[in-house]
C-alpha atoms as a PDB file:
ATOM      1  CA  MET A   1     -10.369  -5.414   5.236  1.00  0.00           C
ATOM      2  CA  ASN A   2      -7.503  -2.488   4.527  1.00  0.00           C
ATOM      3  CA  ILE A   3      -6.447  -1.082   1.584  1.00  0.00           C
ATOM      4  CA  MET A   4      -2.724  -1.571   2.649  1.00  0.00           C
ATOM      5  CA  MET A   5      -3.860  -5.469   4.461  1.00  0.00           C
ATOM      6  CA  ILE A   6      -5.225  -6.939   1.364  1.00  0.00           C
ATOM      7  CA  LEU A   7      -1.719  -4.822  -0.099  1.00  0.00           C
ATOM      8  CA  ALA A   8       1.153  -6.459   1.985  1.00  0.00           C
ATOM      9  CA  ILE A   9      -1.063 -10.520   2.337  1.00  0.00           C
ATOM     10  CA  ILE A  10      -0.760 -10.186  -1.467  1.00  0.00           C
ATOM     11  CA  ALA A  11       2.994  -9.311  -1.411  1.00  0.00           C
ATOM     12  CA  ASP A  12       3.522 -11.608   1.231  1.00  0.00           C
ATOM     13  CA  LEU A  13       2.101 -14.735  -1.134  1.00  0.00           C
ATOM     14  CA  LEU A  14       4.097 -13.116  -3.991  1.00  0.00           C
ATOM     15  CA  LEU A  15       7.226 -13.069  -1.740  1.00  0.00           C
ATOM     16  CA  ALA A  16       6.559 -16.731  -1.120  1.00  0.00           C
ATOM     17  CA  VAL A  17       6.464 -18.304  -4.480  1.00  0.00           C
ATOM     18  CA  LEU A  18       9.808 -16.322  -5.290  1.00  0.00           C
ATOM     19  CA  LEU A  19      11.283 -17.308  -2.608  1.00  0.00           C
ATOM     20  CA  THR A  20      10.284 -21.316  -3.832  1.00  0.00           C
ATOM     21  CA  ALA A  21      10.673 -20.956  -6.911  1.00  0.00           C
ATOM     22  CA  VAL A  22      13.873 -19.191  -6.933  1.00  0.00           C
ATOM     23  CA  SER A  23      15.386 -22.112  -3.988  1.00  0.00           C
ATOM     24  CA  GLY A  24      17.431 -23.883  -5.818  1.00  0.00           C
ATOM     25  CA  PHE A  25      19.148 -21.119  -7.189  1.00  0.00           C
ATOM     26  CA  ILE A  26      20.261 -20.297  -3.676  1.00  0.00           C
ATOM     27  CA  LEU A  27      20.533 -23.093  -2.185  1.00  0.00           C
ATOM     28  CA  GLN A  28      22.782 -24.461  -4.849  1.00  0.00           C
ATOM     29  CA  GLY A  29      21.480 -27.811  -4.605  1.00  0.00           C
ATOM     30  CA  VAL A  30      21.572 -28.611  -1.159  1.00  0.00           C
ATOM     31  CA  ASN A  31      19.576 -31.656  -0.672  1.00  0.00           C
ATOM     32  CA  ASN A  32      21.092 -33.663  -3.379  1.00  0.00           C
ATOM     33  CA  THR A  33      24.552 -32.726  -1.184  1.00  0.00           C
ATOM     34  CA  GLY A  34      23.208 -34.606   2.230  1.00  0.00           C
ATOM     35  CA  ALA A  35      23.339 -32.212   4.080  1.00  0.00           C
ATOM     36  CA  MET A  36      21.381 -29.855   5.726  1.00  0.00           C
ATOM     37  CA  MET A  37      23.017 -26.304   5.521  1.00  0.00           C
ATOM     38  CA  PRO A  38      21.712 -23.874   8.447  1.00  0.00           C
ATOM     39  CA  GLU A  39      20.763 -21.005   4.990  1.00  0.00           C
ATOM     40  CA  ALA A  40      17.590 -23.652   3.872  1.00  0.00           C
ATOM     41  CA  ALA A  41      16.337 -24.362   7.859  1.00  0.00           C
ATOM     42  CA  LEU A  42      16.478 -20.071   7.931  1.00  0.00           C
ATOM     43  CA  TYR A  43      15.579 -20.277   4.003  1.00  0.00           C
ATOM     44  CA  VAL A  44      12.130 -22.287   4.753  1.00  0.00           C
ATOM     45  CA  GLY A  45      11.677 -19.896   7.810  1.00  0.00           C
ATOM     46  CA  PHE A  46      11.591 -17.264   5.858  1.00  0.00           C
ATOM     47  CA  ILE A  47       8.865 -18.807   3.596  1.00  0.00           C
ATOM     48  CA  LEU A  48       6.536 -20.355   6.025  1.00  0.00           C
ATOM     49  CA  LEU A  49       6.922 -16.757   8.393  1.00  0.00           C
ATOM     50  CA  CYS A  50       5.244 -15.611   4.840  1.00  0.00           C
ATOM     51  CA  ILE A  51       2.808 -17.769   4.760  1.00  0.00           C
ATOM     52  CA  VAL A  52       2.120 -18.013   8.356  1.00  0.00           C
ATOM     53  CA  ALA A  53       1.727 -14.191   8.835  1.00  0.00           C
ATOM     54  CA  SER A  54      -0.559 -14.124   5.301  1.00  0.00           C
ATOM     55  CA  ALA A  55      -2.470 -16.177   7.068  1.00  0.00           C
ATOM     56  CA  LEU A  56      -2.321 -14.495  10.430  1.00  0.00           C
ATOM     57  CA  ALA A  57      -3.299 -10.869   9.251  1.00  0.00           C
ATOM     58  CA  ALA A  58      -6.789 -13.118   7.445  1.00  0.00           C
ATOM     59  CA  ILE A  59      -7.427 -13.634  10.138  1.00  0.00           C
ATOM     60  CA  LEU A  60      -6.795 -11.412  12.451  1.00  0.00           C
ATOM     61  CA  ARG A  61      -9.087  -8.537  10.319  1.00  0.00           C
ATOM     62  CA  LYS A  62     -11.185  -6.948  12.480  1.00  0.00           C
ATOM     63  CA  ARG A  63      -8.563  -5.679  14.488  1.00  0.00           C
ATOM     64  CA  GLN A  64      -6.168  -4.117  11.370  1.00  0.00           C
ATOM     65  CA  PRO A  65      -3.911  -2.250  12.875  1.00  0.00           C
ATOM     66  CA  LEU A  66      -2.345  -5.314  14.303  1.00  0.00           C
ATOM     67  CA  ALA A  67      -3.233  -7.456  11.163  1.00  0.00           C
ATOM     68  CA  THR A  68      -1.510  -4.617   9.200  1.00  0.00           C
ATOM     69  CA  ILE A  69       2.068  -5.223  11.049  1.00  0.00           C
ATOM     70  CA  ILE A  70       2.021  -8.699  11.203  1.00  0.00           C
ATOM     71  CA  ALA A  71       1.370  -8.734   7.030  1.00  0.00           C
ATOM     72  CA  ALA A  72       4.133  -6.408   7.299  1.00  0.00           C
ATOM     73  CA  ILE A  73       6.368  -8.491   9.005  1.00  0.00           C
ATOM     74  CA  PRO A  74       7.757 -10.142   6.009  1.00  0.00           C
ATOM     75  CA  LEU A  75       8.420  -7.632   3.966  1.00  0.00           C
ATOM     76  CA  ALA A  76      10.386  -5.653   6.030  1.00  0.00           C
ATOM     77  CA  VAL A  77      12.543  -9.077   7.005  1.00  0.00           C
ATOM     78  CA  ALA A  78      13.013  -9.181   3.068  1.00  0.00           C
ATOM     79  CA  ALA A  79      14.450  -4.789   3.107  1.00  0.00           C
ATOM     80  CA  LEU A  80      16.445  -5.607   6.067  1.00  0.00           C
ATOM     81  CA  ALA A  81      18.139  -8.310   4.261  1.00  0.00           C
ATOM     82  CA  MET A  82      18.336  -6.472   0.789  1.00  0.00           C
ATOM     83  CA  MET A  83      19.867  -3.753   3.079  1.00  0.00           C
ATOM     84  CA  LEU A  84      21.901  -6.136   4.474  1.00  0.00           C
ATOM     85  CA  GLU A  85      23.213  -7.711   2.072  1.00  0.00           C
ATOM     86  CA  GLY A  86      26.978  -6.828   1.198  1.00  0.00           C
ATOM     87  CA  VAL A  87      27.256  -5.619   4.229  1.00  0.00           C
ATOM     88  CA  VAL A  88      27.493  -8.513   6.666  1.00  0.00           C
ATOM     89  CA  VAL A  89      28.439 -10.825   3.691  1.00  0.00           C
END
């Protein structure tokens, strides 16, 4: 496998672990209140995107450029979210 794809897959999985670890701080106990916020659904969707993108990239590893791009999508979305943090909110 391509070294960039391997690094992107590892970064995706570590990002999913990080997002899961800090979910209580970010969502501030949304499950305790009972109301489902749209932010919580988006947050869970992004965790699933990290996991699915890394699995799909591993499955499509013979198609190097496509697999590397798929593995880099969650990292690009996370970078975009960090850049737009002060602008949108």
